[in-house]
Amino acid sequence: MPVLTETLVQRARPRARKYEVSCALIRGFHLRVLPSGKKAYYVRLRRDGRDLRERLGSVDELTLEEAQAQARARLREGRATPERVEGEGMPVAPRAAAEPPPRTATPAKRGLLLRQLIPRYLAQHVDIHLKPDTQVAYRSYAQSLLQQFGGDALVDIDPERVERWHGSMRDTPCAANKSVRVLSHMFTKAIEWGLIPHTHRKPTDNIRMFRERRRERFLTPEERRRLEAVLQEAEAKPSNARGAIRWSMAAAIRLLALTGMRRGEVLSLTWSMVDLRHRCFRLPDSKTGQRAVPFGSPVVDLLRELEPFRRPHCPYVVYSQQETKIRGAALGRSWEQIRERAGLPGVRLHDLRHSAASDAIMSGVPLAVVGKIL
């Protein structure tokens, strides 16, 4: 059973008949895909002795993160029941209910499988302590680990197998190394939670990591001019014109290029976080508390241009056509169009962040301030 990710949701193609994609991380949560191509999130519940399926919203109305949060809330209100769905008559394989982690390890817990640990790890560590963008990445790594070692008991996952698996991903060294680090941390938490003995040696301890080449790309003055021309064209073109790029996508890319903020930070930016008086964004940060990101006159001008687009029921500075949070995948598709028109093959959205940092340093901004921005 897969772990639902934004990529998996995007790649789910319509078939002749409707079908569902269940999520291994949240019991009862699933994506339904109709022959028309419409997709929506659902959760199976049991309330008042009845089995039912509740629609959470379409993929255009909710991000995956929002749908997952709603599913967890519904599951807290009612008991999930994957055994049967009302009106369907088709049995669904039951899944083991998650139990609270024991305080001490016992022989009975030595048979704990990795697929049983992963949902607990995500719920008790990732969802609480990591930022939304990092949560998405960790779920992707968890899916890979689930496929490779999900059916194995933690104590049976040996270093040789992990090393072979790590070696099989040598073409993507960064992802290979990160996957091993995530697995290592899962074992660390399992030991802390008493799921395996504290004397157990982690199978990742002596894995030799691949050398990672840092890839930093900075836009040249000519590339910046081409990008600016494409953004201006996108802003001037009616949004309903063929091949048009929405104003909100162009604005999001401008914010990325001008501030050096992360993609997730820009897409989550609300007007309540904008402090024009002190010229900074006050961002919540799950690790260090509130973080202030200073900005200059170009951002002030951009925000004033965006003021007329504010909506009373939408808190976001940039938003989707449905007046909801823009999904990262949607911005990625718009960026592919923009960079193609600007002649910037291979340039990533993240490279705009590098360029913004470089601009700040070249303009005399102290390194300590640049560090706070990034």
Protein backbone atom coordinates (compact mmCIF):
# COMPACT_ATOMS: atom_id res chain seq x y z
CA MET A 1 0.00 0.00 0.00
CA PRO A 2 1.52 3.36 -1.00
CA VAL A 3 1.97 6.53 1.02
CA LEU A 4 0.00 9.32 -0.63
CA THR A 5 2.25 12.16 -1.77
CA GLU A 6 1.60 15.26 -3.88
CA THR A 7 3.44 13.58 -6.76
CA LEU A 8 1.37 10.41 -6.50
CA VAL A 9 -1.85 12.44 -6.42
CA GLN A 10 -0.79 14.38 -9.51
CA ARG A 11 0.19 11.24 -11.41
CA ALA A 12 -3.02 9.33 -10.66
CA ARG A 13 -4.62 9.00 -14.10
CA PRO A 14 -8.32 8.35 -14.80
CA ARG A 15 -9.38 4.87 -15.85
CA ALA A 16 -12.50 3.40 -17.42
CA ARG A 17 -13.95 2.94 -13.93
CA LYS A 18 -13.46 4.89 -10.74
CA TYR A 19 -10.78 3.64 -8.36
CA GLU A 20 -9.17 4.50 -5.04
CA VAL A 21 -5.63 4.90 -3.78
CA SER A 22 -5.37 4.24 -0.04
CA CYS A 23 -2.68 5.76 2.17
CA ALA A 24 -0.52 3.53 4.37
CA LEU A 25 0.05 6.34 6.88
CA ILE A 26 -3.53 7.30 7.81
CA ARG A 27 -5.96 4.46 8.27
CA GLY A 28 -9.12 4.96 6.19
CA PHE A 29 -7.76 7.99 4.26
CA HIS A 30 -7.78 7.62 0.47
CA LEU A 31 -7.91 9.36 -2.89
CA ARG A 32 -10.76 8.61 -5.29
CA VAL A 33 -10.18 9.09 -9.04
CA LEU A 34 -13.19 9.26 -11.38
CA PRO A 35 -13.23 8.41 -15.12
CA SER A 36 -13.78 12.13 -15.78
CA GLY A 37 -10.39 12.85 -14.21
CA LYS A 38 -11.81 14.47 -11.09
CA LYS A 39 -10.03 13.55 -7.87
CA ALA A 40 -11.17 13.91 -4.27
CA TYR A 41 -10.02 12.93 -0.80
CA TYR A 42 -12.17 10.67 1.40
CA VAL A 43 -11.95 9.03 4.81
CA ARG A 44 -13.74 5.91 6.07
CA LEU A 45 -15.33 6.23 9.51
CA ARG A 46 -17.57 4.39 11.92
CA ARG A 47 -20.14 6.48 13.77
CA ASP A 48 -23.09 5.36 15.86
CA GLY A 49 -22.48 1.78 14.82
CA ARG A 50 -22.60 2.63 11.10
CA ASP A 51 -19.82 2.44 8.54
CA LEU A 52 -19.62 5.45 6.26
CA ARG A 53 -17.37 7.28 3.86
CA GLU A 54 -16.94 11.03 4.20
CA ARG A 55 -15.81 13.29 1.37
CA LEU A 56 -13.20 15.81 2.52
CA GLY A 57 -12.85 17.79 -0.69
CA SER A 58 -11.43 17.73 -4.19
CA VAL A 59 -7.72 18.05 -4.93
CA ASP A 60 -8.47 21.54 -6.25
CA GLU A 61 -10.11 22.54 -2.97
CA LEU A 62 -7.60 21.01 -0.56
CA THR A 63 -3.88 20.43 -0.50
CA LEU A 64 -2.79 16.94 0.52
CA GLU A 65 -1.58 18.35 3.83
CA GLU A 66 -4.97 19.96 4.52
CA ALA A 67 -6.84 16.77 3.56
CA GLN A 68 -4.62 14.71 5.86
CA ALA A 69 -5.25 17.12 8.74
CA GLN A 70 -9.01 16.89 8.16
CA ALA A 71 -8.83 13.09 7.96
CA ARG A 72 -7.01 12.92 11.29
CA ALA A 73 -9.60 15.24 12.84
CA ARG A 74 -12.47 13.09 11.54
CA LEU A 75 -10.77 9.94 12.82
CA ARG A 76 -10.47 11.48 16.27
CA GLU A 77 -14.21 12.18 16.22
CA GLY A 78 -15.24 8.75 14.92
CA ARG A 79 -13.66 5.29 14.74
CA ALA A 80 -12.09 4.35 11.41
CA THR A 81 -13.32 1.09 9.91
CA PRO A 82 -11.41 -0.20 6.91
CA GLU A 83 -13.19 -3.57 7.03
CA ARG A 84 -16.33 -2.41 5.17
CA VAL A 85 -17.60 0.68 3.40
CA GLU A 86 -21.29 1.52 3.52
CA GLY A 87 -23.06 0.96 0.22
CA GLU A 88 -20.03 -0.61 -1.46
CA GLY A 89 -20.26 -4.21 -0.32
CA MET A 90 -16.59 -4.76 -1.14
CA PRO A 91 -14.38 -5.84 1.75
CA VAL A 92 -11.17 -3.96 2.34
CA ALA A 93 -8.22 -5.64 3.99
CA PRO A 94 -8.17 -4.73 7.70
CA ARG A 95 -5.15 -2.91 9.07
CA ALA A 96 -3.73 -3.10 12.54
CA ALA A 97 -4.69 -0.22 14.79
CA ALA A 98 -1.77 1.84 16.06
CA GLU A 99 -1.04 1.40 19.76
CA PRO A 100 0.60 3.96 22.02
CA PRO A 101 4.33 3.31 22.27
CA PRO A 102 5.29 1.26 25.35
CA ARG A 103 7.67 2.73 27.87
CA THR A 104 9.97 -0.27 27.98
CA ALA A 105 10.93 -2.91 25.46
CA THR A 106 9.72 -6.43 26.06
CA PRO A 107 10.35 -9.65 24.12
CA ALA A 108 6.86 -9.35 22.62
CA LYS A 109 7.86 -6.07 20.97
CA ARG A 110 10.96 -7.49 19.28
CA GLY A 111 8.82 -8.53 16.32
CA LEU A 112 7.71 -4.97 15.53
CA LEU A 113 7.73 -4.40 11.77
CA LEU A 114 9.04 -1.29 10.07
CA ARG A 115 5.63 -0.71 8.47
CA GLN A 116 4.20 -0.51 11.99
CA LEU A 117 6.84 1.97 13.10
CA ILE A 118 6.55 4.34 10.13
CA PRO A 119 3.03 5.71 10.86
CA ARG A 120 3.99 6.25 14.49
CA TYR A 121 7.24 7.97 13.53
CA LEU A 122 5.43 10.31 11.15
CA ALA A 123 2.63 11.11 13.60
CA GLN A 124 4.77 11.54 16.72
CA HIS A 125 7.86 13.15 15.24
CA VAL A 126 7.54 14.39 11.65
CA ASP A 127 4.06 15.94 11.92
CA ILE A 128 4.93 17.66 15.20
CA HIS A 129 8.53 18.80 14.87
CA LEU A 130 9.20 19.37 11.16
CA LYS A 131 8.10 22.06 8.74
CA PRO A 132 5.39 21.27 6.15
CA ASP A 133 7.83 21.10 3.22
CA THR A 134 10.15 18.83 5.20
CA GLN A 135 7.19 16.66 6.17
CA VAL A 136 6.43 16.08 2.49
CA ALA A 137 10.05 15.04 1.86
CA TYR A 138 10.06 12.68 4.86
CA ARG A 139 6.86 11.03 3.67
CA SER A 140 8.51 10.40 0.33
CA TYR A 141 11.49 8.77 2.04
CA ALA A 142 9.11 6.80 4.25
CA GLN A 143 7.38 5.44 1.14
CA SER A 144 10.72 4.22 -0.21
CA LEU A 145 11.59 2.60 3.12
CA LEU A 146 8.14 1.02 3.33
CA GLN A 147 8.59 -0.60 -0.07
CA GLN A 148 12.07 -1.88 0.73
CA PHE A 149 11.85 -2.97 4.39
CA GLY A 150 8.20 -2.55 5.39
CA GLY A 151 7.55 -6.24 6.03
CA ASP A 152 10.71 -6.78 8.07
CA ALA A 153 11.01 -6.76 11.84
CA LEU A 154 13.26 -3.94 13.02
CA VAL A 155 15.70 -6.39 14.59
CA ASP A 156 15.97 -8.29 11.28
CA ILE A 157 17.07 -5.33 9.17
CA ASP A 158 20.82 -5.90 8.96
CA PRO A 159 23.63 -3.56 7.84
CA GLU A 160 24.48 -5.60 4.73
CA ARG A 161 20.97 -5.24 3.31
CA VAL A 162 20.89 -1.52 4.05
CA GLU A 163 24.30 -1.07 2.43
CA ARG A 164 23.20 -2.94 -0.72
CA TRP A 165 20.05 -0.84 -0.91
CA HIS A 166 22.02 2.37 -0.41
CA GLY A 167 24.45 1.30 -3.12
CA SER A 168 21.62 0.63 -5.57
CA MET A 169 20.77 4.36 -5.46
CA ARG A 170 24.27 5.59 -6.32
CA ASP A 171 22.90 7.55 -9.30
CA THR A 172 21.02 9.80 -6.85
CA PRO A 173 23.56 10.18 -4.03
CA CYS A 174 21.74 12.93 -2.11
CA ALA A 175 18.47 10.99 -2.00
CA ALA A 176 20.33 7.78 -1.12
CA ASN A 177 22.12 9.40 1.81
CA LYS A 178 18.99 11.12 3.08
CA SER A 179 17.02 7.85 2.95
CA VAL A 180 19.61 6.16 5.15
CA ARG A 181 19.61 9.10 7.58
CA VAL A 182 15.83 8.93 7.88
CA LEU A 183 16.00 5.18 8.52
CA SER A 184 18.69 5.79 11.13
CA HIS A 185 16.53 8.35 12.91
CA MET A 186 13.56 5.97 12.86
CA PHE A 187 15.70 3.47 14.76
CA THR A 188 16.80 6.19 17.17
CA LYS A 189 13.18 7.02 17.98
CA ALA A 190 12.25 3.33 18.23
CA ILE A 191 14.95 2.90 20.88
CA GLU A 192 13.80 6.07 22.71
CA TRP A 193 10.22 4.80 22.71
CA GLY A 194 11.26 1.41 24.04
CA LEU A 195 10.15 -0.47 20.93
CA ILE A 196 13.52 -2.21 20.62
CA PRO A 197 16.23 -2.72 23.26
CA HIS A 198 18.57 0.20 23.85
CA THR A 199 21.46 -2.21 23.29
CA HIS A 200 20.33 -2.87 19.72
CA ARG A 201 22.84 -1.64 17.17
CA LYS A 202 21.34 0.39 14.35
CA PRO A 203 21.86 -1.17 10.88
CA THR A 204 22.85 2.24 9.53
CA ASP A 205 25.76 2.91 11.88
CA ASN A 206 28.64 2.05 9.56
CA ILE A 207 27.12 2.88 6.18
CA ARG A 208 29.57 4.92 4.13
CA MET A 209 27.69 7.83 2.61
CA PHE A 210 28.14 9.00 -0.97
CA ARG A 211 29.95 12.24 -1.62
CA GLU A 212 27.35 14.89 -2.40
CA ARG A 213 28.16 17.59 -4.90
CA ARG A 214 26.60 20.90 -3.95
CA ARG A 215 24.75 22.36 -6.89
CA GLU A 216 24.48 26.12 -6.78
CA ARG A 217 23.18 28.05 -9.76
CA PHE A 218 23.05 31.83 -9.96
CA LEU A 219 21.19 33.76 -12.64
CA THR A 220 23.29 36.01 -14.87
CA PRO A 221 22.16 39.60 -15.62
CA GLU A 222 21.01 38.50 -19.08
CA GLU A 223 19.02 35.60 -17.62
CA ARG A 224 17.40 37.95 -15.14
CA ARG A 225 16.33 40.27 -17.96
CA ARG A 226 14.77 37.38 -19.86
CA LEU A 227 12.97 36.15 -16.74
CA GLU A 228 11.66 39.66 -15.99
CA ALA A 229 10.34 39.99 -19.56
CA VAL A 230 8.44 36.71 -19.30
CA LEU A 231 6.99 37.63 -15.89
CA GLN A 232 5.81 41.01 -17.20
CA GLU A 233 4.20 39.29 -20.17
CA ALA A 234 2.46 36.82 -17.85
CA GLU A 235 1.13 39.64 -15.67
CA ALA A 236 -0.18 41.59 -18.68
CA LYS A 237 -1.88 38.64 -20.39
CA PRO A 238 -5.52 37.86 -19.44
CA SER A 239 -5.68 34.80 -17.19
CA ASN A 240 -8.24 33.13 -19.45
CA ALA A 241 -6.04 33.43 -22.55
CA ARG A 242 -4.59 30.28 -24.07
CA GLY A 243 -1.30 29.34 -22.40
CA ALA A 244 -1.67 32.12 -19.84
CA ILE A 245 0.18 32.00 -16.53
CA ARG A 246 -1.87 33.24 -13.58
CA TRP A 247 -0.89 36.48 -11.88
CA SER A 248 -0.54 34.60 -8.60
CA MET A 249 2.10 32.27 -10.05
CA ALA A 250 4.10 35.20 -11.41
CA ALA A 251 3.80 36.98 -8.05
CA ALA A 252 4.94 33.87 -6.15
CA ILE A 253 8.01 33.60 -8.37
CA ARG A 254 8.78 37.29 -7.85
CA LEU A 255 8.58 36.80 -4.07
CA LEU A 256 10.95 33.84 -4.31
CA ALA A 257 13.43 35.84 -6.38
CA LEU A 258 13.24 38.98 -4.23
CA THR A 259 13.26 37.48 -0.74
CA GLY A 260 15.16 34.17 -0.89
CA MET A 261 12.33 32.49 0.99
CA ARG A 262 11.54 28.83 0.45
CA ARG A 263 8.76 27.81 -1.90
CA GLY A 264 6.61 26.48 0.93
CA GLU A 265 7.08 29.71 2.90
CA VAL A 266 5.93 31.84 -0.04
CA LEU A 267 2.89 29.66 -0.74
CA SER A 268 1.94 29.66 2.98
CA LEU A 269 2.43 33.43 3.34
CA THR A 270 -0.67 35.18 4.68
CA TRP A 271 -1.42 38.88 4.97
CA SER A 272 -1.31 38.58 8.75
CA MET A 273 2.41 37.77 8.43
CA VAL A 274 3.13 40.99 6.48
CA ASP A 275 4.63 43.79 8.58
CA LEU A 276 4.98 46.76 6.23
CA ARG A 277 5.89 49.12 9.05
CA HIS A 278 9.05 47.17 9.87
CA ARG A 279 9.43 45.83 6.33
CA CYS A 280 9.51 42.17 7.19
CA PHE A 281 7.51 38.96 7.02
CA ARG A 282 6.90 37.37 10.42
CA LEU A 283 6.92 33.67 9.67
CA PRO A 284 6.03 30.93 12.13
CA ASP A 285 8.83 28.39 12.35
CA SER A 286 8.35 24.97 13.94
CA LYS A 287 11.99 24.78 15.05
CA THR A 288 12.93 28.22 16.34
CA GLY A 289 9.67 30.05 16.88
CA GLN A 290 8.71 33.13 14.89
CA ARG A 291 11.20 34.22 12.24
CA ALA A 292 11.42 37.68 10.71
CA VAL A 293 12.38 37.89 7.02
CA PRO A 294 13.33 41.48 6.08
CA PHE A 295 12.52 42.85 2.62
CA GLY A 296 13.24 45.98 0.62
CA SER A 297 11.39 48.47 -1.56
CA PRO A 298 10.81 46.10 -4.52
CA VAL A 299 8.83 43.77 -2.24
CA VAL A 300 6.90 46.71 -0.76
CA ASP A 301 5.94 47.75 -4.30
CA LEU A 302 4.93 44.18 -5.16
CA LEU A 303 2.76 43.86 -2.05
CA ARG A 304 0.98 47.12 -2.88
CA GLU A 305 0.28 45.79 -6.36
CA LEU A 306 -1.19 42.64 -4.79
CA GLU A 307 -3.44 44.54 -2.36
CA PRO A 308 -6.38 44.76 -4.83
CA PHE A 309 -6.33 40.96 -5.11
CA ARG A 310 -6.98 40.42 -1.39
CA ARG A 311 -10.08 38.34 -0.65
CA PRO A 312 -12.05 38.48 2.64
CA HIS A 313 -12.24 34.70 3.02
CA CYS A 314 -8.76 33.86 1.70
CA PRO A 315 -5.80 34.66 3.98
CA TYR A 316 -3.04 33.97 1.44
CA VAL A 317 -1.01 36.66 -0.34
CA VAL A 318 -0.96 34.47 -3.46
CA TYR A 319 -3.68 31.91 -3.98
CA SER A 320 -5.15 29.46 -6.47
CA GLN A 321 -8.07 30.01 -8.83
CA GLN A 322 -10.30 28.44 -6.15
CA GLU A 323 -8.95 31.00 -3.63
CA THR A 324 -7.12 28.31 -1.68
CA LYS A 325 -3.45 27.69 -0.99
CA ILE A 326 -1.42 27.08 -4.15
CA ARG A 327 0.05 23.61 -4.26
CA GLY A 328 3.78 23.26 -4.79
CA ALA A 329 3.25 21.01 -7.81
CA ALA A 330 1.08 23.66 -9.49
CA LEU A 331 3.74 26.33 -9.00
CA GLY A 332 6.31 23.88 -10.34
CA ARG A 333 4.33 23.44 -13.56
CA SER A 334 4.02 27.20 -14.02
CA TRP A 335 7.75 27.58 -13.42
CA GLU A 336 8.46 25.02 -16.16
CA GLN A 337 6.44 27.17 -18.59
CA ILE A 338 8.18 30.36 -17.50
CA ARG A 339 11.72 29.02 -17.65
CA GLU A 340 11.07 27.51 -21.09
CA ARG A 341 9.85 30.85 -22.43
CA ALA A 342 12.77 32.64 -20.77
CA GLY A 343 15.33 30.17 -22.12
CA LEU A 344 16.45 28.97 -18.68
CA PRO A 345 16.75 25.18 -19.09
CA GLY A 346 17.67 23.35 -15.90
CA VAL A 347 17.14 26.38 -13.65
CA ARG A 348 15.22 25.36 -10.53
CA LEU A 349 12.96 27.46 -8.36
CA HIS A 350 15.47 26.85 -5.57
CA ASP A 351 18.13 28.59 -7.69
CA LEU A 352 16.17 31.83 -7.29
CA ARG A 353 16.85 31.49 -3.57
CA HIS A 354 20.59 31.21 -4.19
CA SER A 355 20.49 34.24 -6.49
CA ALA A 356 18.59 36.30 -3.91
CA ALA A 357 21.19 35.48 -1.27
CA SER A 358 23.99 36.41 -3.65
CA ASP A 359 22.28 39.71 -4.50
CA ALA A 360 21.90 40.56 -0.82
CA ILE A 361 25.57 39.91 -0.09
CA MET A 362 26.72 41.89 -3.14
CA SER A 363 24.52 44.78 -2.00
CA GLY A 364 26.34 44.91 1.31
CA VAL A 365 23.77 43.17 3.48
CA PRO A 366 25.61 41.64 6.48
CA LEU A 367 26.03 37.87 6.39
CA ALA A 368 24.20 37.57 9.71
CA VAL A 369 21.13 39.20 8.16
CA VAL A 370 21.34 37.01 5.05
CA GLY A 371 21.52 34.01 7.35
CA LYS A 372 18.27 35.06 9.03
CA ILE A 373 16.59 35.42 5.64
CA LEU A 374 17.64 31.93 4.60
